[in-house]
Amino acid sequence: MEKSLDKGHIALLGWSLNAIEAAENFDRRYVVVAPEWAEEYCKEHAIPYVPWNFERLNDRSMEIAETLQEMGVDVAIPLYEETVEWAGAINSLLLDNPRLYGQALLLRDKALMKRRAQLGGIRVGIFEEAHDKEDVIRFLKRVNQTLLKLDGDPNDPIHLKAFDKAGCLGHRVIRTPDEVDTIPEEEFPVLMESHLDGWEFAVEAWIHNGKIRFLNISEYVTLGYSVFVPATPELERYRDSITRQIEKLIKTFDIDFGFVHPEYFVTSDGEMYFGEVAYRPPGFKVFELLERAYGFNAYQGLILSFDPKTTEQEITDFFPREVVDAKGVAGCFGVYPRRRVVSRLQMPEETEDHPYFESHELTAPLEETVTKRTAFGTHWGLLYFFGDDPHTMRDLLKHQEELDFYV
């Protein structure tokens, strides 16, 4: 597409073919900042590219911000959790706003994030940092003592999370002191938090000039396995209170532009508890699901909400109306083998024959022994579904958990 010189020049931090394709087919100039292994592909496909190793932190780290500034880049957009801090550092220079780096640190460190949320009057569970296994055992006992558990009562679980990893990575549920022994020493320090009973869901919100421009509620069927958009009417009825929570989040974290992906719990009495917030696109291909459901490109929405040169009219014209403009319900399921030994991929007929089934990205197994799933682990590939009814979608995604895709 023809690129406009009157609109922002943006840098995409990280590697995502879908994001690159969206930028290629949009009216903004762009450059991809990615590790050196991407160079050959970028040359071959004439993709504007700057090599950078995001794992290298040293006295030359500001070099990338200066390079982008010299190129005339207006803003950097993080595509992955690991590039959020880099975007904060780069944008503090490009936008001449030193606070953006501090904000990025808050949005990366789950313990700092929870403290900031608490200071802003946002409800969170009990949480602490753990530096060793003794800290975890102490916290487990203290939480259950607070809940007035008697000897012999089953413990309420606690959750352990890595400070700065995306999604379910490094997430463990601990119920007994014995389970603490299974945690490898190298996982410390971790964030510990009390279990929140309630319906967990995620939100995707595009923000421009401090205001929400599009708010999606993603319904989890089983955390770490499946998600669909838009949500069922039962979850959508909380939209007004969810919107108020996101507005509180924007104010608490001083967010003026960009995109947030927070997770919340809603209890049976309608109270909202904050889980965590990310400042980058969600996992589980939610951007792709939104495009399937609504028809707009969520990555282009990301570019619009980050670009300081985006006009009010542009952003208003771009986004559809939530829920009512959806053409259907899009969902995906992450497959994890249920057997310990597998030899081939075999798609269940009932999945392939279902009218909602669209496609999958599963591949033949590379090895026969399935490694034990630590914490939530990583799925082996996704199945994609699309249909009219959110309840049918929810039940269909739940049912996939009982099927074998690898035998």
Protein backbone atom coordinates (compact mmCIF):
# COMPACT_ATOMS: atom_id res chain seq x y z
CA MET A 1 0.00 0.00 0.00
CA GLU A 2 1.07 3.60 -0.66
CA LYS A 3 2.73 5.01 2.46
CA SER A 4 1.75 8.48 3.70
CA LEU A 5 4.50 10.86 4.81
CA ASP A 6 1.95 12.79 6.93
CA LYS A 7 1.35 9.77 9.16
CA GLY A 8 3.63 8.14 11.70
CA HIS A 9 6.67 6.02 10.96
CA ILE A 10 6.50 3.03 13.31
CA ALA A 11 8.93 0.36 14.51
CA LEU A 12 7.66 -3.16 15.24
CA LEU A 13 9.73 -4.73 18.03
CA GLY A 14 9.85 -8.51 17.66
CA TRP A 15 8.98 -10.91 14.88
CA SER A 16 5.40 -11.55 13.78
CA LEU A 17 4.54 -12.26 10.15
CA ASN A 18 0.92 -11.28 10.75
CA ALA A 19 1.98 -7.91 12.17
CA ILE A 20 4.39 -7.34 9.26
CA GLU A 21 1.69 -8.21 6.72
CA ALA A 22 -0.72 -5.81 8.46
CA ALA A 23 1.89 -3.01 8.34
CA GLU A 24 2.69 -3.78 4.70
CA ASN A 25 -1.00 -3.39 3.81
CA PHE A 26 -1.43 -0.16 5.79
CA ASP A 27 -0.67 3.47 5.01
CA ARG A 28 2.12 3.91 7.60
CA ARG A 29 5.85 3.55 7.00
CA TYR A 30 7.28 0.83 9.20
CA VAL A 31 10.51 -0.92 10.14
CA VAL A 32 10.93 -4.33 11.78
CA VAL A 33 13.40 -4.56 14.67
CA ALA A 34 14.26 -8.24 15.13
CA PRO A 35 17.20 -10.57 15.84
CA GLU A 36 19.79 -11.25 13.12
CA TRP A 37 18.17 -14.52 12.03
CA ALA A 38 15.36 -12.45 10.42
CA GLU A 39 17.73 -10.57 8.11
CA GLU A 40 17.71 -12.99 5.19
CA TYR A 41 13.91 -13.21 5.11
CA CYS A 42 13.56 -9.42 5.29
CA LYS A 43 16.04 -8.91 2.43
CA GLU A 44 14.29 -11.52 0.31
CA HIS A 45 10.87 -9.90 0.85
CA ALA A 46 12.02 -6.25 0.85
CA ILE A 47 10.92 -5.71 4.45
CA PRO A 48 12.48 -2.63 6.14
CA TYR A 49 14.62 -4.13 8.89
CA VAL A 50 17.04 -3.23 11.68
CA PRO A 51 18.87 -6.08 13.46
CA TRP A 52 18.82 -6.07 17.25
CA ASN A 53 19.40 -8.64 19.98
CA PHE A 54 16.75 -8.00 22.65
CA GLU A 55 18.52 -10.30 25.13
CA ARG A 56 21.64 -8.12 25.16
CA LEU A 57 21.56 -5.45 27.84
CA ASN A 58 24.70 -3.33 28.13
CA ASP A 59 26.04 0.20 27.78
CA ARG A 60 25.16 0.16 24.06
CA SER A 61 21.48 -0.54 24.67
CA MET A 62 20.41 3.03 23.86
CA GLU A 63 21.92 2.60 20.40
CA ILE A 64 18.69 1.17 19.01
CA ALA A 65 16.66 4.19 20.17
CA GLU A 66 19.18 6.55 18.57
CA THR A 67 19.22 4.50 15.34
CA LEU A 68 15.43 4.64 15.09
CA GLN A 69 15.39 8.35 15.91
CA GLU A 70 17.86 9.02 13.08
CA MET A 71 15.62 7.03 10.72
CA GLY A 72 12.71 9.33 11.60
CA VAL A 73 10.72 6.69 13.49
CA ASP A 74 7.96 8.20 15.65
CA VAL A 75 7.07 5.31 17.96
CA ALA A 76 8.04 1.71 18.81
CA ILE A 77 5.39 -0.99 19.24
CA PRO A 78 6.15 -4.08 21.37
CA LEU A 79 4.84 -7.32 19.87
CA TYR A 80 6.01 -9.62 22.68
CA GLU A 81 6.38 -9.50 26.44
CA GLU A 82 10.18 -9.44 26.15
CA THR A 83 10.10 -6.25 24.03
CA VAL A 84 7.82 -4.17 26.29
CA GLU A 85 10.73 -2.75 28.29
CA TRP A 86 12.66 -1.98 25.10
CA ALA A 87 9.63 -0.14 23.69
CA GLY A 88 9.38 1.89 26.90
CA ALA A 89 13.07 2.84 26.74
CA ILE A 90 12.94 3.67 23.01
CA ASN A 91 9.68 5.66 23.26
CA SER A 92 10.96 7.67 26.22
CA LEU A 93 13.56 9.05 23.77
CA LEU A 94 11.42 9.19 20.59
CA LEU A 95 8.48 10.87 22.35
CA ASP A 96 10.68 12.83 24.78
CA ASN A 97 8.84 11.39 27.78
CA PRO A 98 11.15 9.73 30.37
CA ARG A 99 8.15 8.39 32.35
CA LEU A 100 7.42 5.86 29.59
CA TYR A 101 10.38 3.72 30.61
CA GLY A 102 9.24 3.57 34.25
CA GLN A 103 5.73 2.74 33.05
CA ALA A 104 7.11 -0.14 30.95
CA LEU A 105 8.92 -1.54 34.01
CA LEU A 106 5.63 -1.50 35.94
CA LEU A 107 3.92 -3.33 33.07
CA ARG A 108 6.65 -5.98 33.01
CA ASP A 109 7.13 -6.82 36.69
CA LYS A 110 4.05 -8.57 38.08
CA ALA A 111 4.85 -7.66 41.69
CA LEU A 112 5.37 -3.94 40.93
CA MET A 113 2.27 -4.03 38.76
CA LYS A 114 0.10 -5.40 41.58
CA ARG A 115 1.43 -2.79 44.00
CA ARG A 116 0.67 0.01 41.56
CA ALA A 117 -2.83 -1.40 40.99
CA GLN A 118 -3.39 -1.55 44.77
CA LEU A 119 -2.28 2.07 45.13
CA GLY A 120 -4.84 3.00 42.46
CA GLY A 121 -7.66 1.41 44.45
CA ILE A 122 -7.92 -1.66 42.20
CA ARG A 123 -8.89 -4.91 43.94
CA VAL A 124 -6.14 -7.55 43.98
CA GLY A 125 -5.67 -10.76 45.97
CA ILE A 126 -2.97 -11.28 48.62
CA PHE A 127 0.48 -11.42 47.01
CA GLU A 128 4.17 -11.54 47.96
CA GLU A 129 7.53 -12.27 46.36
CA ALA A 130 9.29 -15.56 47.13
CA HIS A 131 13.07 -15.93 47.03
CA ASP A 132 13.20 -19.59 48.03
CA LYS A 133 11.03 -22.62 48.84
CA GLU A 134 10.71 -21.68 52.52
CA ASP A 135 9.02 -18.41 51.49
CA VAL A 136 6.47 -20.41 49.48
CA ILE A 137 5.66 -22.78 52.36
CA ARG A 138 5.31 -19.82 54.74
CA PHE A 139 2.97 -18.01 52.34
CA LEU A 140 0.84 -21.13 51.76
CA LYS A 141 0.43 -21.59 55.53
CA ARG A 142 -0.30 -17.91 56.16
CA VAL A 143 -2.94 -17.66 53.42
CA ASN A 144 -4.75 -20.72 54.75
CA GLN A 145 -4.48 -19.48 58.32
CA THR A 146 -6.09 -16.22 57.16
CA LEU A 147 -8.90 -18.28 55.61
CA LEU A 148 -9.47 -19.90 59.04
CA LYS A 149 -8.67 -23.41 57.82
CA LEU A 150 -8.66 -26.09 60.51
CA ASP A 151 -6.27 -29.07 60.76
CA GLY A 152 -7.34 -31.65 58.22
CA ASP A 153 -9.13 -29.15 55.95
CA PRO A 154 -7.82 -29.19 52.36
CA ASN A 155 -5.63 -26.16 51.66
CA ASP A 156 -6.78 -23.34 49.44
CA PRO A 157 -4.26 -23.27 46.56
CA ILE A 158 -1.77 -20.48 45.90
CA HIS A 159 -0.42 -19.46 42.51
CA LEU A 160 3.22 -19.00 41.58
CA LYS A 161 4.14 -16.88 38.57
CA ALA A 162 7.32 -15.68 36.96
CA PHE A 163 7.74 -11.90 37.39
CA ASP A 164 8.15 -11.13 33.71
CA LYS A 165 6.99 -14.01 31.52
CA ALA A 166 4.01 -13.96 29.20
CA GLY A 167 0.72 -15.67 29.95
CA CYS A 168 0.82 -19.13 31.49
CA LEU A 169 4.59 -19.58 31.23
CA GLY A 170 6.03 -20.39 34.64
CA HIS A 171 2.56 -20.50 36.25
CA ARG A 172 2.13 -23.18 38.94
CA VAL A 173 -0.66 -24.02 41.35
CA ILE A 174 0.56 -25.17 44.79
CA ARG A 175 -1.75 -26.88 47.30
CA THR A 176 0.59 -28.70 49.68
CA PRO A 177 4.09 -28.12 51.10
CA ASP A 178 5.20 -31.33 49.31
CA GLU A 179 4.45 -29.75 45.91
CA VAL A 180 6.91 -26.97 46.73
CA ASP A 181 9.76 -29.49 46.35
CA THR A 182 8.94 -29.82 42.63
CA ILE A 183 9.89 -26.17 41.93
CA PRO A 184 13.39 -25.92 40.38
CA GLU A 185 15.70 -23.46 42.17
CA GLU A 186 16.30 -21.51 38.94
CA GLU A 187 12.63 -20.42 38.84
CA PHE A 188 13.13 -18.16 41.87
CA PRO A 189 12.38 -15.38 42.59
CA VAL A 190 8.65 -15.70 41.84
CA LEU A 191 5.42 -13.89 42.59
CA MET A 192 3.03 -15.73 44.92
CA GLU A 193 -0.64 -14.88 45.08
CA SER A 194 -3.77 -16.21 46.73
CA HIS A 195 -6.30 -18.09 44.62
CA LEU A 196 -9.20 -15.98 43.43
CA ASP A 197 -12.46 -17.85 43.07
CA GLY A 198 -14.36 -16.53 40.14
CA TRP A 199 -14.73 -16.40 36.41
CA GLU A 200 -11.41 -15.54 34.79
CA PHE A 201 -11.47 -13.61 31.54
CA ALA A 202 -9.23 -11.33 29.50
CA VAL A 203 -9.73 -7.92 27.96
CA GLU A 204 -8.14 -6.32 24.92
CA ALA A 205 -8.40 -2.53 24.86
CA TRP A 206 -7.05 -0.12 22.24
CA ILE A 207 -6.35 3.29 23.77
CA HIS A 208 -5.87 6.66 22.06
CA ASN A 209 -5.59 10.01 23.87
CA GLY A 210 -6.27 8.26 27.17
CA LYS A 211 -9.65 6.91 26.01
CA ILE A 212 -10.77 3.36 25.18
CA ARG A 213 -11.47 3.09 21.43
CA PHE A 214 -12.36 -0.60 21.23
CA LEU A 215 -12.82 -3.05 24.09
CA ASN A 216 -13.05 -6.79 23.54
CA ILE A 217 -13.84 -9.34 26.24
CA SER A 218 -12.21 -12.71 25.56
CA GLU A 219 -13.88 -15.66 27.23
CA TYR A 220 -11.62 -18.46 28.45
CA VAL A 221 -13.20 -21.89 28.40
CA THR A 222 -10.21 -23.49 30.15
CA LEU A 223 -7.20 -21.30 30.93
CA GLY A 224 -4.21 -22.38 28.85
CA TYR A 225 -6.40 -24.36 26.43
CA SER A 226 -9.15 -22.34 24.79
CA VAL A 227 -10.61 -18.89 24.18
CA PHE A 228 -13.29 -17.32 21.99
CA VAL A 229 -14.57 -13.87 20.97
CA PRO A 230 -16.99 -12.19 21.43
CA ALA A 231 -17.94 -13.61 24.83
CA THR A 232 -21.26 -15.19 25.85
CA PRO A 233 -24.07 -12.81 26.91
CA GLU A 234 -23.50 -14.05 30.51
CA LEU A 235 -20.01 -12.49 30.50
CA GLU A 236 -20.90 -9.54 28.26
CA ARG A 237 -23.45 -8.35 30.83
CA TYR A 238 -20.47 -7.20 32.91
CA ARG A 239 -19.24 -4.94 30.05
CA ASP A 240 -20.11 -1.66 31.80
CA SER A 241 -18.30 -2.58 35.00
CA ILE A 242 -15.38 -4.04 32.99
CA THR A 243 -15.12 -0.75 31.07
CA ARG A 244 -14.99 1.16 34.38
CA GLN A 245 -12.19 -1.16 35.56
CA ILE A 246 -10.16 -0.52 32.38
CA GLU A 247 -10.67 3.24 32.77
CA LYS A 248 -9.35 2.93 36.33
CA LEU A 249 -6.38 0.91 35.02
CA ILE A 250 -5.59 3.55 32.36
CA LYS A 251 -5.64 6.26 35.03
CA THR A 252 -3.61 4.23 37.57
CA PHE A 253 -0.87 3.33 35.08
CA ASP A 254 -0.90 6.72 33.29
CA ILE A 255 -1.60 5.15 29.91
CA ASP A 256 -2.21 7.68 27.17
CA PHE A 257 -1.89 5.53 24.06
CA GLY A 258 -1.37 1.98 22.87
CA PHE A 259 -2.95 -1.28 23.89
CA VAL A 260 -3.55 -3.20 27.12
CA HIS A 261 -4.37 -6.86 27.68
CA PRO A 262 -5.43 -7.30 31.33
CA GLU A 263 -6.91 -10.35 33.01
CA TYR A 264 -9.62 -10.20 35.67
CA PHE A 265 -11.74 -12.41 37.86
CA VAL A 266 -15.41 -11.68 38.46
CA THR A 267 -16.87 -13.27 41.60
CA SER A 268 -20.41 -14.61 41.97
CA ASP A 269 -21.50 -11.33 43.58
CA GLY A 270 -20.16 -9.30 40.64
CA GLU A 271 -16.94 -8.01 42.26
CA MET A 272 -13.98 -7.55 39.88
CA TYR A 273 -10.47 -8.58 40.91
CA PHE A 274 -7.42 -7.59 38.87
CA GLY A 275 -5.09 -10.43 37.84
CA GLU A 276 -2.40 -8.80 35.70
CA VAL A 277 -1.97 -6.55 32.69
CA ALA A 278 0.23 -6.79 29.59
CA TYR A 279 1.14 -3.98 27.20
CA ARG A 280 1.40 -6.14 24.06
CA PRO A 281 -0.82 -8.36 21.87
CA PRO A 282 -2.32 -11.40 23.61
CA GLY A 283 -1.34 -14.99 22.98
CA PHE A 284 -3.64 -17.67 21.57
CA LYS A 285 -4.04 -15.70 18.30
CA VAL A 286 -6.76 -13.45 19.77
CA PHE A 287 -5.91 -10.72 17.20
CA GLU A 288 -6.55 -13.24 14.43
CA LEU A 289 -9.79 -14.36 16.11
CA LEU A 290 -10.96 -10.74 16.27
CA GLU A 291 -10.30 -10.30 12.56
CA ARG A 292 -12.31 -13.46 11.84
CA ALA A 293 -15.20 -12.29 14.05
CA TYR A 294 -15.28 -8.58 13.14
CA GLY A 295 -13.33 -8.18 9.91
CA PHE A 296 -10.92 -5.47 11.14
CA ASN A 297 -7.17 -6.03 11.39
CA ALA A 298 -6.22 -5.79 15.08
CA TYR A 299 -2.52 -5.20 14.25
CA GLN A 300 -3.48 -2.15 12.17
CA GLY A 301 -5.56 -1.02 15.15
CA LEU A 302 -2.40 -1.40 17.24
CA ILE A 303 -0.47 0.83 14.82
CA LEU A 304 -3.24 3.46 14.91
CA SER A 305 -3.44 3.52 18.71
CA PHE A 306 0.36 3.89 19.09
CA ASP A 307 0.97 6.41 16.29
CA PRO A 308 1.10 9.97 17.73
CA LYS A 309 0.01 11.30 14.31
CA THR A 310 -3.26 9.34 14.22
CA THR A 311 -6.27 11.66 13.94
CA GLU A 312 -9.47 11.40 15.97
CA GLN A 313 -11.44 10.74 12.77
CA GLU A 314 -9.14 7.90 11.68
CA ILE A 315 -9.45 6.03 14.96
CA THR A 316 -13.23 6.53 15.09
CA ASP A 317 -13.67 5.26 11.54
CA PHE A 318 -11.40 2.25 12.00
CA PHE A 319 -12.97 0.28 14.85
CA PRO A 320 -16.35 -1.49 14.59
CA ARG A 321 -18.96 -1.43 17.34
CA GLU A 322 -18.31 -4.04 20.01
CA VAL A 323 -20.43 -7.23 19.86
CA VAL A 324 -23.17 -5.89 17.54
CA ASP A 325 -20.84 -5.66 14.53
CA ALA A 326 -19.43 -9.18 14.97
CA LYS A 327 -20.29 -11.50 12.08
CA GLY A 328 -20.00 -14.55 14.33
CA VAL A 329 -17.99 -16.16 17.11
CA ALA A 330 -14.34 -17.17 16.57
CA GLY A 331 -12.53 -19.56 18.90
CA CYS A 332 -9.35 -21.56 19.16
CA PHE A 333 -8.15 -24.57 21.13
CA GLY A 334 -4.55 -25.40 22.04
CA VAL A 335 -3.85 -29.12 21.65
CA TYR A 336 -1.65 -30.91 24.14
CA PRO A 337 -1.20 -34.72 23.79
CA ARG A 338 -3.06 -36.70 26.46
CA ARG A 339 -0.86 -39.81 26.02
CA ARG A 340 2.72 -40.25 27.18
CA VAL A 341 3.82 -41.92 23.94
CA VAL A 342 2.57 -40.85 20.50
CA SER A 343 3.52 -41.82 16.96
CA ARG A 344 1.26 -39.80 14.66
CA LEU A 345 -1.21 -36.96 14.32
CA GLN A 346 -4.79 -38.12 13.91
CA MET A 347 -7.54 -35.52 13.68
CA PRO A 348 -10.73 -36.79 15.35
CA GLU A 349 -13.55 -37.10 12.80
CA GLU A 350 -16.03 -35.42 15.11
CA THR A 351 -13.80 -32.32 15.19
CA GLU A 352 -13.20 -32.19 11.44
CA ASP A 353 -16.88 -32.84 10.66
CA HIS A 354 -18.22 -30.18 13.01
CA PRO A 355 -19.74 -27.25 11.08
CA TYR A 356 -17.79 -24.77 13.26
CA PHE A 357 -14.37 -26.32 12.50
CA GLU A 358 -12.28 -24.24 10.08
CA SER A 359 -8.60 -25.19 10.21
CA HIS A 360 -5.69 -26.37 12.34
CA GLU A 361 -1.95 -25.84 12.52
CA LEU A 362 -0.95 -29.17 14.05
CA THR A 363 2.08 -31.01 12.70
CA ALA A 364 3.26 -34.60 12.97
CA PRO A 365 5.11 -35.32 16.25
CA LEU A 366 8.89 -34.88 16.11
CA GLU A 367 9.46 -37.43 18.87
CA GLU A 368 7.42 -40.22 20.37
CA THR A 369 7.75 -39.52 24.09
CA VAL A 370 5.63 -36.61 25.28
CA THR A 371 7.48 -34.54 27.86
CA LYS A 372 5.57 -34.08 31.09
CA ARG A 373 3.66 -30.81 31.04
CA THR A 374 5.25 -28.48 33.58
CA ALA A 375 2.87 -25.89 34.92
CA PHE A 376 0.62 -24.95 31.99
CA GLY A 377 3.26 -25.90 29.43
CA THR A 378 3.15 -25.06 25.76
CA HIS A 379 0.49 -26.40 23.40
CA TRP A 380 1.50 -28.31 20.26
CA GLY A 381 -0.65 -26.25 17.90
CA LEU A 382 -4.04 -24.59 17.55
CA LEU A 383 -7.43 -25.55 16.13
CA TYR A 384 -9.65 -22.76 14.78
CA PHE A 385 -13.45 -22.63 14.91
CA PHE A 386 -16.08 -20.15 13.72
CA GLY A 387 -19.86 -20.17 14.12
CA ASP A 388 -22.97 -18.27 15.15
CA ASP A 389 -23.60 -19.27 18.74
CA PRO A 390 -21.27 -18.50 21.67
CA HIS A 391 -22.72 -21.31 23.82
CA THR A 392 -22.17 -23.91 21.09
CA MET A 393 -18.63 -22.56 20.73
CA ARG A 394 -17.98 -22.79 24.48
CA ASP A 395 -19.22 -26.39 24.70
CA LEU A 396 -17.35 -27.40 21.55
CA LEU A 397 -14.04 -26.01 22.83
CA LYS A 398 -14.58 -27.73 26.19
CA HIS A 399 -15.26 -31.05 24.46
CA GLN A 400 -11.92 -30.93 22.59
CA GLU A 401 -10.18 -31.56 25.93
CA GLU A 402 -11.57 -35.12 25.93
CA LEU A 403 -10.25 -36.00 22.45
CA ASP A 404 -6.92 -37.44 21.31
CA PHE A 405 -5.22 -35.63 18.42
CA TYR A 406 -1.95 -37.53 18.82
CA VAL A 407 -2.09 -41.31 19.04
